[in-house]
Amino acid sequence: MIRLNPDIAAQPDRADEVLYRLRAIPLSVNSDGLVRANEHFAEWLRGEKSMPFGHNGEHVSIRLIDFSHSLQNHCVVTSRWVYPKVEGGRRFDVMLLINGKRRTNPISKVTCFFLNFCSSREGGLQTLPPWLHWESH
């Protein structure tokens, strides 16, 4: 996030403010519903959300993914992802992590989302774009 947003890079503690907002989205499911929470998170992923980090508190768009230069993103596709990592955690067959440090940074828990690839019953995982890295566990 710091790398993609110069206004956050100028004051890296601003990333915590964005993370606070992102972490609130899953918590809003009970009050707003799952569909609205997904829509809200999609707005963040598309860069449609802003924060007052610009000159004189001007709102600037926050980018979590660089859609203009896809090779600037760090992407990992993994299989059999369990979240949370406790007994009874949910297992996802395929997970895409974008611009997050796996297992070391809480942003990865926020910036990952499930991809609806073909299931193993339908022929398995299809060809991935070259900028994705496949990691099997």
N, C-alpha and C. Protein backbone atom coordinates (compact mmCIF):
# COMPACT_ATOMS: atom_id res chain seq x y z
N MET A 1 0.82 -1.18 0.00
CA MET A 1 0.00 0.00 0.00
C MET A 1 0.88 1.26 0.00
N ILE A 2 1.93 1.23 0.77
CA ILE A 2 2.83 2.38 0.83
C ILE A 2 3.48 2.62 -0.54
N ARG A 3 3.87 1.53 -1.20
CA ARG A 3 4.52 1.63 -2.51
C ARG A 3 3.58 2.21 -3.56
N LEU A 4 2.30 1.93 -3.47
CA LEU A 4 1.34 2.35 -4.48
C LEU A 4 0.72 3.72 -4.22
N ASN A 5 0.93 4.28 -3.04
CA ASN A 5 0.28 5.53 -2.65
C ASN A 5 1.31 6.52 -2.11
N PRO A 6 1.75 7.48 -2.93
CA PRO A 6 2.76 8.44 -2.48
C PRO A 6 2.36 9.23 -1.24
N ASP A 7 1.07 9.51 -1.10
CA ASP A 7 0.63 10.27 0.09
C ASP A 7 0.73 9.44 1.36
N ILE A 8 0.65 8.13 1.24
CA ILE A 8 0.86 7.26 2.38
C ILE A 8 2.35 7.07 2.61
N ALA A 9 3.12 6.98 1.52
CA ALA A 9 4.57 6.84 1.65
C ALA A 9 5.17 8.04 2.38
N ALA A 10 4.59 9.22 2.20
CA ALA A 10 5.09 10.43 2.87
C ALA A 10 4.92 10.32 4.38
N GLN A 11 3.90 9.63 4.84
CA GLN A 11 3.65 9.38 6.26
C GLN A 11 3.14 7.95 6.40
N PRO A 12 4.04 6.98 6.52
CA PRO A 12 3.65 5.56 6.53
C PRO A 12 2.62 5.17 7.60
N ASP A 13 2.51 5.94 8.68
CA ASP A 13 1.51 5.60 9.70
C ASP A 13 0.09 5.77 9.17
N ARG A 14 -0.07 6.46 8.04
CA ARG A 14 -1.39 6.59 7.42
C ARG A 14 -1.92 5.23 6.96
N ALA A 15 -1.03 4.31 6.68
CA ALA A 15 -1.45 2.96 6.27
C ALA A 15 -2.31 2.33 7.36
N ASP A 16 -2.00 2.62 8.62
CA ASP A 16 -2.79 2.08 9.73
C ASP A 16 -4.24 2.57 9.67
N GLU A 17 -4.44 3.81 9.24
CA GLU A 17 -5.79 4.34 9.13
C GLU A 17 -6.58 3.59 8.05
N VAL A 18 -5.90 3.28 6.95
CA VAL A 18 -6.56 2.52 5.87
C VAL A 18 -6.85 1.10 6.35
N LEU A 19 -5.87 0.48 7.00
CA LEU A 19 -6.07 -0.87 7.52
C LEU A 19 -7.24 -0.93 8.49
N TYR A 20 -7.38 0.09 9.31
CA TYR A 20 -8.50 0.14 10.26
C TYR A 20 -9.82 0.09 9.51
N ARG A 21 -9.92 0.86 8.43
CA ARG A 21 -11.16 0.88 7.64
C ARG A 21 -11.39 -0.47 6.94
N LEU A 22 -10.30 -1.04 6.42
CA LEU A 22 -10.44 -2.33 5.72
C LEU A 22 -10.84 -3.44 6.69
N ARG A 23 -10.27 -3.44 7.87
CA ARG A 23 -10.60 -4.47 8.87
C ARG A 23 -12.04 -4.34 9.36
N ALA A 24 -12.60 -3.16 9.25
CA ALA A 24 -13.98 -2.95 9.70
C ALA A 24 -14.99 -3.57 8.74
N ILE A 25 -14.59 -3.82 7.51
CA ILE A 25 -15.53 -4.33 6.51
C ILE A 25 -16.08 -5.70 6.90
N PRO A 26 -15.24 -6.69 7.23
CA PRO A 26 -15.82 -7.98 7.63
C PRO A 26 -16.70 -7.88 8.87
N LEU A 27 -16.38 -6.95 9.75
CA LEU A 27 -17.18 -6.77 10.96
C LEU A 27 -18.56 -6.18 10.66
N SER A 28 -18.68 -5.53 9.49
CA SER A 28 -19.95 -4.90 9.14
C SER A 28 -20.96 -5.88 8.55
N VAL A 29 -20.55 -7.12 8.34
CA VAL A 29 -21.44 -8.11 7.73
C VAL A 29 -22.72 -8.29 8.55
N ASN A 30 -22.59 -8.33 9.87
CA ASN A 30 -23.77 -8.55 10.71
C ASN A 30 -24.79 -7.42 10.59
N SER A 31 -24.32 -6.18 10.45
CA SER A 31 -25.25 -5.06 10.38
C SER A 31 -25.65 -4.70 8.95
N ASP A 32 -24.70 -4.78 8.00
CA ASP A 32 -24.96 -4.35 6.63
C ASP A 32 -25.30 -5.49 5.68
N GLY A 33 -24.91 -6.71 6.05
CA GLY A 33 -25.13 -7.86 5.19
C GLY A 33 -23.89 -8.17 4.36
N LEU A 34 -23.80 -9.40 3.93
CA LEU A 34 -22.64 -9.88 3.19
C LEU A 34 -22.49 -9.20 1.84
N VAL A 35 -23.60 -9.00 1.13
CA VAL A 35 -23.52 -8.38 -0.20
C VAL A 35 -22.96 -6.97 -0.10
N ARG A 36 -23.48 -6.18 0.82
CA ARG A 36 -23.00 -4.79 0.97
C ARG A 36 -21.54 -4.77 1.40
N ALA A 37 -21.13 -5.67 2.30
CA ALA A 37 -19.73 -5.72 2.72
C ALA A 37 -18.84 -6.07 1.54
N ASN A 38 -19.25 -7.02 0.70
CA ASN A 38 -18.47 -7.35 -0.50
C ASN A 38 -18.39 -6.18 -1.46
N GLU A 39 -19.50 -5.46 -1.64
CA GLU A 39 -19.50 -4.29 -2.52
C GLU A 39 -18.55 -3.22 -1.99
N HIS A 40 -18.58 -3.01 -0.69
CA HIS A 40 -17.72 -2.01 -0.06
C HIS A 40 -16.24 -2.39 -0.25
N PHE A 41 -15.92 -3.67 -0.03
CA PHE A 41 -14.54 -4.12 -0.21
C PHE A 41 -14.12 -4.01 -1.67
N ALA A 42 -15.02 -4.32 -2.59
CA ALA A 42 -14.71 -4.19 -4.02
C ALA A 42 -14.40 -2.74 -4.39
N GLU A 43 -15.09 -1.79 -3.77
CA GLU A 43 -14.80 -0.37 -4.02
C GLU A 43 -13.36 -0.04 -3.62
N TRP A 44 -12.91 -0.58 -2.48
CA TRP A 44 -11.52 -0.38 -2.06
C TRP A 44 -10.56 -1.02 -3.06
N LEU A 45 -10.87 -2.25 -3.48
CA LEU A 45 -9.99 -2.95 -4.42
C LEU A 45 -9.87 -2.22 -5.75
N ARG A 46 -10.96 -1.61 -6.20
CA ARG A 46 -10.96 -0.88 -7.48
C ARG A 46 -10.36 0.51 -7.36
N GLY A 47 -9.99 0.94 -6.16
CA GLY A 47 -9.40 2.27 -5.98
C GLY A 47 -10.43 3.38 -5.98
N GLU A 48 -11.67 3.06 -5.62
CA GLU A 48 -12.75 4.04 -5.61
C GLU A 48 -12.91 4.74 -4.27
N LYS A 49 -12.15 4.35 -3.27
CA LYS A 49 -12.23 4.96 -1.95
C LYS A 49 -11.10 5.97 -1.78
N SER A 50 -11.35 6.97 -0.96
CA SER A 50 -10.34 8.00 -0.75
C SER A 50 -10.20 8.28 0.75
N MET A 51 -9.08 8.92 1.08
CA MET A 51 -8.80 9.31 2.46
C MET A 51 -8.23 10.73 2.40
N PRO A 52 -8.34 11.50 3.49
CA PRO A 52 -7.88 12.89 3.50
C PRO A 52 -6.37 13.02 3.72
N PHE A 53 -5.59 12.43 2.82
CA PHE A 53 -4.13 12.42 2.97
C PHE A 53 -3.44 13.43 2.06
N GLY A 54 -4.17 14.13 1.24
CA GLY A 54 -3.57 15.09 0.31
C GLY A 54 -3.26 16.42 0.96
N HIS A 55 -2.82 17.37 0.15
CA HIS A 55 -2.49 18.72 0.61
C HIS A 55 -3.72 19.35 1.26
N ASN A 56 -3.55 19.91 2.46
CA ASN A 56 -4.63 20.55 3.22
C ASN A 56 -5.81 19.61 3.46
N GLY A 57 -5.54 18.34 3.67
CA GLY A 57 -6.60 17.38 3.95
C GLY A 57 -7.44 16.99 2.76
N GLU A 58 -6.96 17.28 1.56
CA GLU A 58 -7.69 16.91 0.35
C GLU A 58 -7.77 15.39 0.23
N HIS A 59 -8.92 14.90 -0.17
CA HIS A 59 -9.10 13.46 -0.33
C HIS A 59 -8.37 12.97 -1.57
N VAL A 60 -7.63 11.88 -1.41
CA VAL A 60 -6.93 11.24 -2.52
C VAL A 60 -7.35 9.78 -2.58
N SER A 61 -7.42 9.23 -3.78
CA SER A 61 -7.79 7.83 -3.96
C SER A 61 -6.71 6.93 -3.39
N ILE A 62 -7.14 5.85 -2.78
CA ILE A 62 -6.22 4.87 -2.21
C ILE A 62 -6.19 3.65 -3.13
N ARG A 63 -4.98 3.27 -3.50
CA ARG A 63 -4.82 2.11 -4.39
C ARG A 63 -4.27 0.93 -3.60
N LEU A 64 -4.98 -0.18 -3.71
CA LEU A 64 -4.50 -1.43 -3.14
C LEU A 64 -3.91 -2.32 -4.22
N ILE A 65 -4.34 -2.09 -5.47
CA ILE A 65 -3.87 -2.84 -6.62
C ILE A 65 -3.54 -1.85 -7.72
N ASP A 66 -2.42 -2.07 -8.39
CA ASP A 66 -2.04 -1.21 -9.52
C ASP A 66 -2.58 -1.84 -10.80
N PHE A 67 -3.73 -1.33 -11.25
CA PHE A 67 -4.35 -1.87 -12.46
C PHE A 67 -3.67 -1.36 -13.73
N SER A 68 -2.99 -0.24 -13.65
CA SER A 68 -2.32 0.31 -14.82
C SER A 68 -1.02 -0.43 -15.14
N HIS A 69 -0.34 -0.90 -14.13
CA HIS A 69 0.94 -1.59 -14.30
C HIS A 69 0.89 -2.90 -13.51
N SER A 70 0.25 -3.90 -14.08
CA SER A 70 -0.01 -5.14 -13.34
C SER A 70 1.26 -5.82 -12.84
N LEU A 71 2.37 -5.62 -13.51
CA LEU A 71 3.61 -6.25 -13.06
C LEU A 71 4.17 -5.61 -11.79
N GLN A 72 3.63 -4.48 -11.38
CA GLN A 72 4.04 -3.83 -10.13
C GLN A 72 3.41 -4.49 -8.91
N ASN A 73 2.40 -5.31 -9.14
CA ASN A 73 1.71 -6.00 -8.04
C ASN A 73 2.45 -7.27 -7.68
N HIS A 74 2.39 -7.62 -6.41
CA HIS A 74 2.93 -8.89 -5.95
C HIS A 74 1.73 -9.81 -5.75
N CYS A 75 1.67 -10.88 -6.53
CA CYS A 75 0.53 -11.78 -6.49
C CYS A 75 0.98 -13.21 -6.25
N VAL A 76 0.26 -13.89 -5.39
CA VAL A 76 0.51 -15.30 -5.12
C VAL A 76 -0.82 -16.02 -5.15
N VAL A 77 -0.87 -17.12 -5.88
CA VAL A 77 -2.04 -17.99 -5.86
C VAL A 77 -1.66 -19.21 -5.06
N THR A 78 -2.49 -19.58 -4.13
CA THR A 78 -2.19 -20.73 -3.29
C THR A 78 -3.42 -21.64 -3.22
N SER A 79 -3.18 -22.88 -2.92
CA SER A 79 -4.29 -23.82 -2.79
C SER A 79 -4.45 -24.24 -1.33
N ARG A 80 -5.63 -24.70 -1.02
CA ARG A 80 -5.95 -25.20 0.32
C ARG A 80 -5.63 -24.19 1.44
N TRP A 81 -6.06 -22.98 1.27
CA TRP A 81 -5.85 -21.90 2.25
C TRP A 81 -6.85 -22.07 3.39
N VAL A 82 -6.39 -22.08 4.62
CA VAL A 82 -7.27 -22.18 5.78
C VAL A 82 -7.23 -20.86 6.53
N TYR A 83 -8.42 -20.30 6.78
CA TYR A 83 -8.50 -19.03 7.52
C TYR A 83 -9.72 -19.08 8.42
N PRO A 84 -9.61 -18.68 9.66
CA PRO A 84 -8.35 -18.42 10.37
C PRO A 84 -7.64 -19.74 10.67
N LYS A 85 -6.37 -19.63 10.99
CA LYS A 85 -5.56 -20.82 11.21
C LYS A 85 -5.79 -21.38 12.61
N VAL A 86 -7.00 -21.75 12.87
CA VAL A 86 -7.37 -22.39 14.13
C VAL A 86 -8.29 -23.55 13.79
N GLU A 87 -8.50 -24.42 14.75
CA GLU A 87 -9.41 -25.53 14.50
C GLU A 87 -10.78 -24.98 14.12
N GLY A 88 -11.33 -25.53 13.08
CA GLY A 88 -12.63 -25.05 12.61
C GLY A 88 -12.53 -23.93 11.60
N GLY A 89 -11.30 -23.58 11.17
CA GLY A 89 -11.14 -22.54 10.16
C GLY A 89 -11.72 -22.99 8.83
N ARG A 90 -12.05 -22.05 7.99
CA ARG A 90 -12.63 -22.37 6.68
C ARG A 90 -11.51 -22.64 5.69
N ARG A 91 -11.70 -23.64 4.83
CA ARG A 91 -10.69 -23.99 3.83
C ARG A 91 -11.18 -23.57 2.46
N PHE A 92 -10.36 -22.78 1.77
CA PHE A 92 -10.65 -22.34 0.42
C PHE A 92 -9.75 -23.12 -0.53
N ASP A 93 -10.31 -23.58 -1.64
CA ASP A 93 -9.53 -24.39 -2.58
C ASP A 93 -8.45 -23.57 -3.27
N VAL A 94 -8.78 -22.35 -3.68
CA VAL A 94 -7.82 -21.48 -4.36
C VAL A 94 -7.95 -20.07 -3.79
N MET A 95 -6.83 -19.46 -3.45
CA MET A 95 -6.83 -18.12 -2.89
C MET A 95 -5.81 -17.27 -3.64
N LEU A 96 -6.15 -16.03 -3.90
CA LEU A 96 -5.23 -15.09 -4.53
C LEU A 96 -4.88 -14.02 -3.51
N LEU A 97 -3.60 -13.85 -3.23
CA LEU A 97 -3.13 -12.79 -2.33
C LEU A 97 -2.48 -11.73 -3.21
N ILE A 98 -2.89 -10.49 -3.02
CA ILE A 98 -2.36 -9.39 -3.82
C ILE A 98 -1.75 -8.34 -2.90
N ASN A 99 -0.48 -8.02 -3.16
CA ASN A 99 0.22 -6.94 -2.46
C ASN A 99 0.16 -7.07 -0.95
N GLY A 100 0.33 -8.26 -0.47
CA GLY A 100 0.38 -8.50 0.97
C GLY A 100 1.50 -9.46 1.28
N LYS A 101 2.07 -9.34 2.46
CA LYS A 101 3.14 -10.25 2.87
C LYS A 101 2.48 -11.38 3.64
N ARG A 102 2.47 -12.55 3.04
CA ARG A 102 1.83 -13.70 3.67
C ARG A 102 2.40 -13.96 5.05
N ARG A 103 1.51 -14.26 5.95
CA ARG A 103 1.82 -14.71 7.32
C ARG A 103 2.55 -13.67 8.17
N THR A 104 2.94 -12.52 7.63
CA THR A 104 3.69 -11.58 8.45
C THR A 104 2.99 -10.24 8.56
N ASN A 105 2.03 -9.96 7.69
CA ASN A 105 1.42 -8.65 7.67
C ASN A 105 -0.10 -8.82 7.60
N PRO A 106 -0.84 -8.20 8.51
CA PRO A 106 -2.29 -8.38 8.51
C PRO A 106 -2.96 -7.89 7.23
N ILE A 107 -2.29 -7.08 6.43
CA ILE A 107 -2.91 -6.61 5.20
C ILE A 107 -3.23 -7.78 4.28
N SER A 108 -2.43 -8.86 4.36
CA SER A 108 -2.70 -10.00 3.48
C SER A 108 -4.06 -10.62 3.79
N LYS A 109 -4.49 -10.55 5.04
CA LYS A 109 -5.80 -11.08 5.39
C LYS A 109 -6.91 -10.21 4.80
N VAL A 110 -6.61 -8.96 4.57
CA VAL A 110 -7.61 -8.04 4.04
C VAL A 110 -7.59 -8.02 2.53
N THR A 111 -6.41 -8.11 1.93
CA THR A 111 -6.32 -7.95 0.49
C THR A 111 -6.38 -9.25 -0.27
N CYS A 112 -6.74 -10.33 0.39
CA CYS A 112 -6.89 -11.56 -0.37
C CYS A 112 -8.36 -11.84 -0.58
N PHE A 113 -8.67 -12.40 -1.69
CA PHE A 113 -10.04 -12.75 -1.95
C PHE A 113 -10.09 -14.05 -2.75
N PHE A 114 -11.19 -14.73 -2.65
CA PHE A 114 -11.33 -16.03 -3.28
C PHE A 114 -11.57 -15.86 -4.77
N LEU A 115 -10.85 -16.62 -5.58
CA LEU A 115 -11.08 -16.62 -7.02
C LEU A 115 -11.95 -17.80 -7.38
N ASN A 116 -12.89 -17.57 -8.22
CA ASN A 116 -13.80 -18.64 -8.62
C ASN A 116 -13.25 -19.35 -9.86
N PHE A 117 -12.12 -20.04 -9.68
CA PHE A 117 -11.55 -20.84 -10.75
C PHE A 117 -12.38 -22.11 -10.91
N CYS A 118 -12.13 -22.80 -11.97
CA CYS A 118 -12.80 -24.10 -12.15
C CYS A 118 -12.39 -25.03 -11.03
N SER A 119 -13.35 -25.71 -10.48
CA SER A 119 -13.04 -26.64 -9.39
C SER A 119 -12.40 -27.89 -9.98
N SER A 120 -11.84 -28.73 -9.12
CA SER A 120 -11.20 -29.95 -9.59
C SER A 120 -12.21 -30.85 -10.30
N ARG A 121 -13.48 -30.74 -9.93
CA ARG A 121 -14.52 -31.54 -10.59
C ARG A 121 -14.73 -31.07 -12.02
N GLU A 122 -14.35 -29.84 -12.33
CA GLU A 122 -14.58 -29.29 -13.66
C GLU A 122 -13.30 -29.21 -14.47
N GLY A 123 -12.28 -29.93 -14.08
CA GLY A 123 -11.07 -29.96 -14.90
C GLY A 123 -9.87 -29.30 -14.27
N GLY A 124 -9.99 -28.77 -13.05
CA GLY A 124 -8.84 -28.20 -12.37
C GLY A 124 -8.54 -26.76 -12.76
N LEU A 125 -7.49 -26.24 -12.19
CA LEU A 125 -7.09 -24.86 -12.39
C LEU A 125 -6.64 -24.62 -13.82
N GLN A 126 -7.13 -23.59 -14.42
CA GLN A 126 -6.80 -23.26 -15.81
C GLN A 126 -5.54 -22.38 -15.85
N THR A 127 -5.14 -21.97 -17.03
CA THR A 127 -3.93 -21.16 -17.22
C THR A 127 -4.04 -19.84 -16.47
N LEU A 128 -2.97 -19.46 -15.79
CA LEU A 128 -2.93 -18.21 -15.03
C LEU A 128 -2.15 -17.16 -15.80
N PRO A 129 -2.45 -15.89 -15.57
CA PRO A 129 -1.64 -14.83 -16.17
C PRO A 129 -0.19 -14.96 -15.70
N PRO A 130 0.79 -14.51 -16.51
CA PRO A 130 2.20 -14.69 -16.15
C PRO A 130 2.63 -13.95 -14.89
N TRP A 131 1.89 -12.93 -14.46
CA TRP A 131 2.29 -12.18 -13.28
C TRP A 131 1.83 -12.83 -11.99
N LEU A 132 1.13 -13.96 -12.06
CA LEU A 132 0.73 -14.68 -10.87
C LEU A 132 1.71 -15.80 -10.58
N HIS A 133 1.98 -16.00 -9.33
CA HIS A 133 2.90 -17.06 -8.89
C HIS A 133 2.08 -18.13 -8.20
N TRP A 134 2.16 -19.36 -8.66
CA TRP A 134 1.40 -20.46 -8.07
C TRP A 134 2.22 -21.09 -6.97
N GLU A 135 1.61 -21.29 -5.83
CA GLU A 135 2.27 -21.92 -4.69
C GLU A 135 1.34 -22.98 -4.15
N SER A 136 1.79 -24.22 -4.14
CA SER A 136 0.96 -25.33 -3.67
C SER A 136 1.45 -25.77 -2.30
N HIS A 137 0.51 -26.07 -1.41
CA HIS A 137 0.86 -26.53 -0.05
C HIS A 137 0.63 -27.99 0.08
